[in-house]
Amino acid sequence: MLRVLYLVSTLKRTGPVNQLYNLLSNIDREVIEPLVLTLSGEAAESRWPDFHSLGIRMESLSLSRLGGVFLGSSRLKLLVDQLKPDLLHSQGLRSDHLVSGFKGKMPIVSTLRNYPQLDYPMTYGFLVGRLMVKQHLKALKRFDCCAGVSEEVTNNAMVQYGLTNMKTVHNGIETSHFYRASTGEKRKLRKKLSLPVNGKLWITTGHLTERKNPLFLIKTWKKNYGVRSNQHLIFIGDGDLKKACQNAADAASNIIFVGRTTDVASYLQAGDFYISASRAEGFPNAVLEAMACGLPALLSKIAPHEEVQRYVGEGVRLFESDRETGLVEGIAEMLVSDYECCAESVIGAVNQNFSARIMAANYKDIYLKVSANFIRE
């Protein structure tokens, strides 16, 4: 039995935490004994109870970000000495920085979910972002294995920063939760969720931020489809641009803002198509969830979306980012496509390549290989 300690900042309901839950829900418990450690205390929308329900031992250092800088290393060492894990697996800058200090003492694995040189400056500003990039990459070089969540994330780390410890493990979706609803179930869900019962529903999920590019989507939709009663654009999520998005939509009755919800699956199952104008992704959980529910996807032409299309084919179409005519043409093409064929294509791609079960098996293989090759310094 291999005891693996998973280290994360918190268990707030986010894409990375959802992926960790999918992993631990499917990991082979006859081979792997998982433990979870958070750096900080839990706030709103925590998934702590969900992880606890898996029967996993859970601990928290309960440190603030500032406290983590001064006390994180010593507190983590004490807990590692107590729990005696065989391997550490971290994700995110804070966790990776702390776990990198255990190089040569025990096997260490990280999951890289982004393009540091793009995401950090975009989120935290140029100067702070550049410092974060430097710190994160310095830490990642110390790991025995770093799993990129897409081929593009892996290639970026290898080509741009010379990381030689990379391996790709795609994100995985829990297909028992995200699945296609029947026609009758879809109609019932629309009524239950107060969505338009008739017409086509185009669903987009995620934070309303510059990175997700919702304003472009709204302005293009309003200009070209704003008066159509048979086409509806549904936003699931919240964020800094919420007010700006609502103002941009103005009186367009076929643009609907649902806000943040814990029941994303029901909205996807009630929809017809998925649409994203995102400017950057690691590997898009939201797209995979939509495809698992049978939604053909119209996506901006960025590398991770292109990677998804390579696995799916007909069920995914791409448009040039921030190009209005491309988006409009893509919508028109999808409306006349063979819907059933596209739906079957996206579901098949998820089941064959992007299920949580497949992801968990890939991580188990990494743990066993890294542990077998580990040489204590």
Protein backbone atom coordinates (compact mmCIF):
# COMPACT_ATOMS: atom_id res chain seq x y z
CA MET A 1 0.00 0.00 0.00
CA LEU A 2 1.38 3.40 -1.04
CA ARG A 3 0.41 6.28 1.25
CA VAL A 4 0.05 9.49 -0.81
CA LEU A 5 -0.38 12.91 0.81
CA TYR A 6 -2.16 15.45 -1.42
CA LEU A 7 -1.36 19.08 -0.66
CA VAL A 8 -3.58 21.98 -1.80
CA SER A 9 -4.21 25.56 -0.68
CA THR A 10 -7.88 24.99 0.22
CA LEU A 11 -10.77 22.84 -0.91
CA LYS A 12 -12.83 25.72 -2.28
CA ARG A 13 -15.04 24.56 -5.15
CA THR A 14 -12.85 25.34 -8.16
CA GLY A 15 -11.77 23.45 -11.27
CA PRO A 16 -8.50 22.13 -9.74
CA VAL A 17 -10.25 21.02 -6.54
CA ASN A 18 -13.00 19.33 -8.53
CA GLN A 19 -10.31 17.46 -10.47
CA LEU A 20 -8.65 16.37 -7.22
CA TYR A 21 -12.01 15.07 -6.00
CA ASN A 22 -12.49 13.16 -9.26
CA LEU A 23 -9.02 11.66 -8.81
CA LEU A 24 -9.55 10.55 -5.23
CA SER A 25 -13.03 9.20 -6.02
CA ASN A 26 -11.51 6.86 -8.58
CA ILE A 27 -8.04 6.05 -7.26
CA ASP A 28 -7.34 2.36 -6.63
CA ARG A 29 -7.72 2.17 -2.84
CA GLU A 30 -6.23 -1.31 -2.77
CA VAL A 31 -2.95 0.18 -3.94
CA ILE A 32 -3.12 3.86 -2.89
CA GLU A 33 -4.03 5.22 0.54
CA PRO A 34 -4.86 8.94 0.03
CA LEU A 35 -4.54 11.67 2.65
CA VAL A 36 -5.44 15.33 2.09
CA LEU A 37 -3.72 18.38 3.60
CA THR A 38 -4.78 21.99 3.06
CA LEU A 39 -2.56 24.99 3.75
CA SER A 40 -5.29 27.43 4.81
CA GLY A 41 -8.64 27.27 6.57
CA GLU A 42 -11.82 26.72 4.60
CA ALA A 43 -14.15 29.56 3.64
CA ALA A 44 -17.39 29.58 1.66
CA GLU A 45 -18.11 26.94 -0.96
CA SER A 46 -15.67 24.43 0.48
CA ARG A 47 -15.75 20.81 -0.67
CA TRP A 48 -14.25 19.57 2.61
CA PRO A 49 -17.39 17.53 3.46
CA ASP A 50 -17.30 15.89 0.01
CA PHE A 51 -13.71 14.76 0.47
CA HIS A 52 -14.42 13.66 4.03
CA SER A 53 -17.29 11.48 2.77
CA LEU A 54 -14.74 9.47 0.77
CA GLY A 55 -13.32 8.15 4.03
CA ILE A 56 -10.03 10.00 3.64
CA ARG A 57 -7.97 11.33 6.52
CA MET A 58 -7.88 15.11 6.25
CA GLU A 59 -5.70 17.73 7.92
CA SER A 60 -5.16 21.47 7.63
CA LEU A 61 -2.25 23.73 8.56
CA SER A 62 -4.81 26.59 8.85
CA LEU A 63 -2.22 29.19 7.83
CA SER A 64 -2.86 32.54 6.17
CA ARG A 65 -0.89 33.32 3.01
CA LEU A 66 1.53 35.41 5.07
CA GLY A 67 1.72 32.75 7.78
CA GLY A 68 2.50 30.18 5.13
CA VAL A 69 5.56 32.15 4.04
CA PHE A 70 7.11 32.05 7.50
CA LEU A 71 5.66 28.89 9.05
CA GLY A 72 4.62 26.70 6.11
CA SER A 73 7.83 24.68 5.74
CA SER A 74 8.26 23.87 9.44
CA ARG A 75 4.56 23.05 9.97
CA LEU A 76 4.50 20.82 6.90
CA LYS A 77 7.63 18.96 8.00
CA LEU A 78 6.08 18.25 11.41
CA LEU A 79 2.91 16.87 9.85
CA VAL A 80 4.79 14.80 7.30
CA ASP A 81 6.83 13.29 10.15
CA GLN A 82 3.55 12.47 11.89
CA LEU A 83 1.62 11.07 8.90
CA LYS A 84 4.62 9.28 7.33
CA PRO A 85 3.45 9.37 3.70
CA ASP A 86 5.38 7.48 1.03
CA LEU A 87 4.85 10.21 -1.59
CA LEU A 88 3.74 13.86 -1.77
CA HIS A 89 1.49 15.18 -4.57
CA SER A 90 0.87 18.93 -4.80
CA GLN A 91 -0.87 21.34 -7.15
CA GLY A 92 -0.61 25.12 -7.34
CA LEU A 93 2.18 27.59 -6.64
CA ARG A 94 1.96 27.64 -2.83
CA SER A 95 1.81 23.88 -2.45
CA ASP A 96 4.47 23.23 -5.09
CA HIS A 97 6.86 25.65 -3.41
CA LEU A 98 6.56 23.87 -0.06
CA VAL A 99 6.67 20.32 -1.43
CA SER A 100 9.72 21.08 -3.59
CA GLY A 101 11.68 21.33 -0.34
CA PHE A 102 11.28 17.57 0.11
CA LYS A 103 13.34 16.75 -2.98
CA GLY A 104 15.58 13.78 -2.27
CA LYS A 105 13.78 13.02 1.01
CA MET A 106 10.78 11.26 -0.55
CA PRO A 107 9.15 11.01 -4.01
CA ILE A 108 7.35 14.23 -5.00
CA VAL A 109 4.83 14.76 -7.80
CA SER A 110 3.09 17.92 -9.02
CA THR A 111 0.19 18.71 -11.35
CA LEU A 112 0.65 21.75 -13.59
CA ARG A 113 -2.66 23.18 -14.79
CA ASN A 114 -1.69 26.40 -16.56
CA TYR A 115 0.72 28.39 -18.67
CA PRO A 116 2.58 30.31 -15.93
CA GLN A 117 3.99 32.99 -18.26
CA LEU A 118 0.48 33.82 -19.49
CA ASP A 119 -1.80 33.23 -16.54
CA TYR A 120 0.10 34.87 -13.70
CA PRO A 121 0.72 38.27 -15.38
CA MET A 122 -2.87 38.26 -16.71
CA THR A 123 -4.27 37.60 -13.22
CA TYR A 124 -1.85 39.41 -10.89
CA GLY A 125 -0.25 42.10 -13.06
CA PHE A 126 3.01 42.13 -14.97
CA LEU A 127 5.55 42.59 -12.14
CA VAL A 128 3.98 40.32 -9.53
CA GLY A 129 3.08 37.81 -12.22
CA ARG A 130 6.66 37.59 -13.49
CA LEU A 131 7.95 36.95 -9.96
CA MET A 132 5.37 34.20 -9.50
CA VAL A 133 6.42 32.58 -12.78
CA LYS A 134 10.06 32.54 -11.69
CA GLN A 135 9.23 31.09 -8.27
CA HIS A 136 6.90 28.42 -9.62
CA LEU A 137 9.24 27.16 -12.32
CA LYS A 138 12.13 27.02 -9.87
CA ALA A 139 10.00 24.75 -7.68
CA LEU A 140 8.75 22.56 -10.54
CA LYS A 141 12.28 21.70 -11.64
CA ARG A 142 12.82 19.89 -8.32
CA PHE A 143 9.95 17.42 -8.73
CA ASP A 144 10.44 13.78 -9.69
CA CYS A 145 7.49 14.12 -12.05
CA CYS A 146 5.27 17.00 -13.08
CA ALA A 147 1.99 16.08 -14.78
CA GLY A 148 0.72 18.61 -17.31
CA VAL A 149 -3.06 18.48 -17.71
CA SER A 150 -2.79 18.75 -21.49
CA GLU A 151 -0.24 18.08 -24.19
CA GLU A 152 0.02 21.83 -24.72
CA VAL A 153 0.70 22.56 -21.04
CA THR A 154 3.36 19.85 -21.04
CA ASN A 155 4.98 21.10 -24.26
CA ASN A 156 4.94 24.69 -23.03
CA ALA A 157 6.81 23.74 -19.84
CA MET A 158 9.34 21.70 -21.78
CA VAL A 159 9.98 24.12 -24.64
CA GLN A 160 9.72 27.46 -22.83
CA TYR A 161 11.41 26.47 -19.57
CA GLY A 162 13.39 23.32 -20.27
CA LEU A 163 11.55 21.12 -17.78
CA THR A 164 12.52 17.51 -18.43
CA ASN A 165 10.35 15.88 -15.75
CA MET A 166 7.03 16.38 -17.57
CA LYS A 167 4.31 13.86 -18.40
CA THR A 168 0.78 14.50 -19.69
CA VAL A 169 -2.23 13.34 -17.67
CA HIS A 170 -5.45 14.78 -19.04
CA ASN A 171 -8.14 16.05 -16.70
CA GLY A 172 -10.89 13.52 -16.08
CA ILE A 173 -14.67 13.92 -15.80
CA GLU A 174 -16.95 11.92 -13.51
CA THR A 175 -19.23 10.45 -16.15
CA SER A 176 -21.65 9.09 -13.55
CA HIS A 177 -22.48 12.74 -12.72
CA PHE A 178 -22.09 14.39 -16.13
CA TYR A 179 -24.13 12.43 -18.68
CA ARG A 180 -26.62 13.05 -21.48
CA ALA A 181 -30.25 13.55 -20.49
CA SER A 182 -33.10 12.12 -22.54
CA THR A 183 -35.41 14.45 -24.46
CA GLY A 184 -38.05 14.14 -21.75
CA GLU A 185 -35.55 14.75 -18.95
CA LYS A 186 -34.17 17.78 -20.80
CA ARG A 187 -37.64 19.33 -21.01
CA LYS A 188 -38.29 18.71 -17.30
CA LEU A 189 -34.93 20.25 -16.38
CA ARG A 190 -35.67 23.40 -18.39
CA LYS A 191 -38.94 23.88 -16.53
CA LYS A 192 -37.32 23.17 -13.17
CA LEU A 193 -34.46 25.61 -13.83
CA SER A 194 -36.76 28.30 -15.28
CA LEU A 195 -35.04 28.14 -18.66
CA PRO A 196 -36.76 28.59 -22.04
CA VAL A 197 -38.49 25.32 -22.84
CA ASN A 198 -38.39 25.82 -26.60
CA GLY A 199 -35.54 26.86 -28.88
CA LYS A 200 -31.83 26.12 -28.72
CA LEU A 201 -29.84 26.77 -25.54
CA TRP A 202 -26.16 27.67 -25.91
CA ILE A 203 -24.45 27.15 -22.55
CA THR A 204 -21.21 28.75 -21.37
CA THR A 205 -19.79 28.08 -17.91
CA GLY A 206 -16.96 29.59 -15.85
CA HIS A 207 -15.87 32.84 -14.27
CA LEU A 208 -16.87 36.11 -15.90
CA THR A 209 -13.32 37.42 -16.27
CA GLU A 210 -11.11 38.84 -19.02
CA ARG A 211 -9.50 35.44 -19.44
CA LYS A 212 -12.85 33.87 -20.36
CA ASN A 213 -13.70 36.75 -22.72
CA PRO A 214 -17.46 36.94 -22.05
CA LEU A 215 -17.91 40.52 -23.30
CA PHE A 216 -16.87 39.55 -26.82
CA LEU A 217 -19.36 36.71 -26.76
CA ILE A 218 -22.18 38.94 -25.47
CA LYS A 219 -21.58 41.79 -27.93
CA THR A 220 -21.37 39.43 -30.90
CA TRP A 221 -24.45 37.50 -29.81
CA LYS A 222 -26.51 40.63 -29.16
CA LYS A 223 -25.59 42.11 -32.54
CA ASN A 224 -26.37 38.97 -34.54
CA TYR A 225 -28.88 37.01 -32.45
CA GLY A 226 -30.24 39.51 -29.93
CA VAL A 227 -33.78 39.48 -31.28
CA ARG A 228 -34.09 35.76 -32.03
CA SER A 229 -36.56 34.02 -29.77
CA ASN A 230 -35.42 30.53 -30.78
CA GLN A 231 -31.74 30.97 -29.74
CA HIS A 232 -30.68 31.61 -26.13
CA LEU A 233 -27.25 32.25 -24.62
CA ILE A 234 -26.98 31.04 -21.01
CA PHE A 235 -24.09 32.13 -18.73
CA ILE A 236 -23.37 29.90 -15.71
CA GLY A 237 -20.93 31.56 -13.30
CA ASP A 238 -19.95 34.80 -11.63
CA GLY A 239 -16.93 37.08 -11.56
CA ASP A 240 -15.42 40.55 -11.79
CA LEU A 241 -17.09 41.30 -15.12
CA LYS A 242 -20.62 40.34 -14.04
CA LYS A 243 -21.95 43.91 -13.98
CA ALA A 244 -20.21 44.82 -17.24
CA CYS A 245 -21.64 41.70 -18.86
CA GLN A 246 -25.16 42.50 -17.71
CA ASN A 247 -24.82 46.05 -18.99
CA ALA A 248 -23.52 44.80 -22.34
CA ALA A 249 -26.45 42.38 -22.66
CA ASP A 250 -28.85 45.22 -21.78
CA ALA A 251 -32.32 44.43 -23.09
CA ALA A 252 -31.44 41.26 -25.01
CA SER A 253 -34.00 38.87 -23.53
CA ASN A 254 -32.28 35.82 -25.02
CA ILE A 255 -29.10 36.35 -22.95
CA ILE A 256 -29.57 34.85 -19.49
CA PHE A 257 -27.26 35.09 -16.46
CA VAL A 258 -27.79 32.24 -14.00
CA GLY A 259 -24.91 33.11 -11.67
CA ARG A 260 -22.86 30.66 -9.65
CA THR A 261 -24.40 27.26 -8.97
CA THR A 262 -23.33 23.90 -7.54
CA ASP A 263 -25.58 22.12 -10.02
CA VAL A 264 -23.75 22.78 -13.28
CA ALA A 265 -24.59 19.32 -14.60
CA SER A 266 -28.32 20.04 -14.70
CA TYR A 267 -27.83 23.19 -16.77
CA LEU A 268 -25.57 21.36 -19.20
CA GLN A 269 -28.07 18.51 -19.48
CA ALA A 270 -30.80 21.07 -20.24
CA GLY A 271 -28.72 22.66 -23.02
CA ASP A 272 -28.13 21.95 -26.70
CA PHE A 273 -24.68 23.39 -27.43
CA TYR A 274 -21.66 24.57 -25.48
CA ILE A 275 -19.81 27.76 -26.43
CA SER A 276 -16.57 29.33 -25.18
CA ALA A 277 -14.61 32.40 -26.29
CA SER A 278 -11.85 31.84 -23.70
CA ARG A 279 -8.45 33.40 -24.37
CA ALA A 280 -6.48 30.91 -22.26
CA GLU A 281 -6.98 27.50 -20.65
CA GLY A 282 -4.86 24.77 -19.11
CA PHE A 283 -7.16 21.98 -20.15
CA PRO A 284 -10.83 23.02 -20.11
CA ASN A 285 -12.81 21.10 -17.48
CA ALA A 286 -15.95 23.00 -18.47
CA VAL A 287 -15.70 21.82 -22.06
CA LEU A 288 -15.18 18.20 -21.00
CA GLU A 289 -18.17 18.35 -18.65
CA ALA A 290 -20.35 19.75 -21.44
CA MET A 291 -19.20 17.07 -23.87
CA ALA A 292 -19.92 14.35 -21.31
CA CYS A 293 -23.50 15.68 -21.27
CA GLY A 294 -23.66 15.32 -25.05
CA LEU A 295 -23.26 18.99 -26.00
CA PRO A 296 -21.40 19.69 -29.26
CA ALA A 297 -18.97 22.56 -28.62
CA LEU A 298 -18.05 25.77 -30.43
CA LEU A 299 -14.71 26.95 -29.06
CA SER A 300 -12.19 29.74 -29.53
CA LYS A 301 -9.09 28.67 -31.44
CA ILE A 302 -6.56 28.35 -28.64
CA ALA A 303 -4.14 25.45 -28.23
CA PRO A 304 -6.03 23.49 -25.52
CA HIS A 305 -9.29 23.72 -27.51
CA GLU A 306 -7.44 22.51 -30.61
CA GLU A 307 -6.18 19.58 -28.56
CA VAL A 308 -9.73 18.69 -27.54
CA GLN A 309 -10.83 18.85 -31.17
CA ARG A 310 -8.09 16.41 -32.19
CA TYR A 311 -9.66 13.80 -29.92
CA VAL A 312 -13.26 14.59 -30.83
CA GLY A 313 -13.40 15.60 -34.46
CA GLU A 314 -16.87 16.39 -35.75
CA GLY A 315 -18.47 17.36 -32.44
CA VAL A 316 -16.16 20.35 -31.87
CA ARG A 317 -15.77 23.42 -34.10
CA LEU A 318 -13.26 26.25 -33.64
CA PHE A 319 -13.38 29.95 -34.46
CA GLU A 320 -10.61 32.53 -34.48
CA SER A 321 -10.44 34.22 -31.08
CA ASP A 322 -12.06 37.68 -30.92
CA ARG A 323 -13.21 37.42 -34.54
CA GLU A 324 -16.92 38.17 -34.86
CA THR A 325 -17.43 36.69 -38.31
CA GLY A 326 -15.75 33.45 -37.26
CA LEU A 327 -18.04 33.08 -34.27
CA VAL A 328 -21.17 33.82 -36.29
CA GLU A 329 -20.16 31.40 -39.03
CA GLY A 330 -19.43 28.74 -36.41
CA ILE A 331 -22.87 29.10 -34.85
CA ALA A 332 -24.51 28.82 -38.28
CA GLU A 333 -22.51 25.70 -39.13
CA MET A 334 -23.40 23.98 -35.87
CA LEU A 335 -27.11 24.70 -36.32
CA VAL A 336 -27.16 22.77 -39.62
CA SER A 337 -24.84 19.96 -38.51
CA ASP A 338 -25.91 16.37 -37.84
CA TYR A 339 -26.69 16.89 -34.16
CA GLU A 340 -26.96 13.23 -33.15
CA CYS A 341 -23.68 12.38 -34.80
CA CYS A 342 -21.95 15.30 -33.05
CA ALA A 343 -23.46 14.40 -29.67
CA GLU A 344 -22.32 10.79 -29.94
CA SER A 345 -18.86 11.97 -31.00
CA VAL A 346 -18.29 14.19 -27.94
CA ILE A 347 -19.63 11.59 -25.49
CA GLY A 348 -17.43 8.91 -27.01
CA ALA A 349 -14.34 11.11 -26.78
CA VAL A 350 -14.89 11.74 -23.07
CA ASN A 351 -15.52 8.06 -22.27
CA GLN A 352 -12.44 6.93 -24.19
CA ASN A 353 -9.97 9.65 -23.21
CA PHE A 354 -11.16 12.02 -20.49
CA SER A 355 -12.91 10.03 -17.79
CA ALA A 356 -11.92 10.33 -14.13
CA ARG A 357 -11.28 6.59 -14.07
CA ILE A 358 -8.64 6.89 -16.80
CA MET A 359 -7.04 9.89 -15.08
CA ALA A 360 -6.80 8.03 -11.75
CA ALA A 361 -5.19 5.01 -13.40
CA ASN A 362 -2.59 7.24 -15.05
CA TYR A 363 -1.68 8.89 -11.74
CA LYS A 364 -1.39 5.51 -10.04
CA ASP A 365 1.11 4.46 -12.70
CA ILE A 366 3.13 7.65 -12.07
CA TYR A 367 3.19 7.07 -8.30
CA LEU A 368 4.39 3.49 -8.68
CA LYS A 369 7.06 4.39 -11.24
CA VAL A 370 8.37 7.41 -9.31
CA SER A 371 8.48 5.43 -6.07
CA ALA A 372 10.31 2.53 -7.71
CA ASN A 373 12.92 4.86 -9.21
CA PHE A 374 13.37 7.06 -6.13
CA ILE A 375 16.85 7.39 -4.73
CA ARG A 376 17.14 9.10 -1.37
CA GLU A 377 19.79 11.83 -1.24
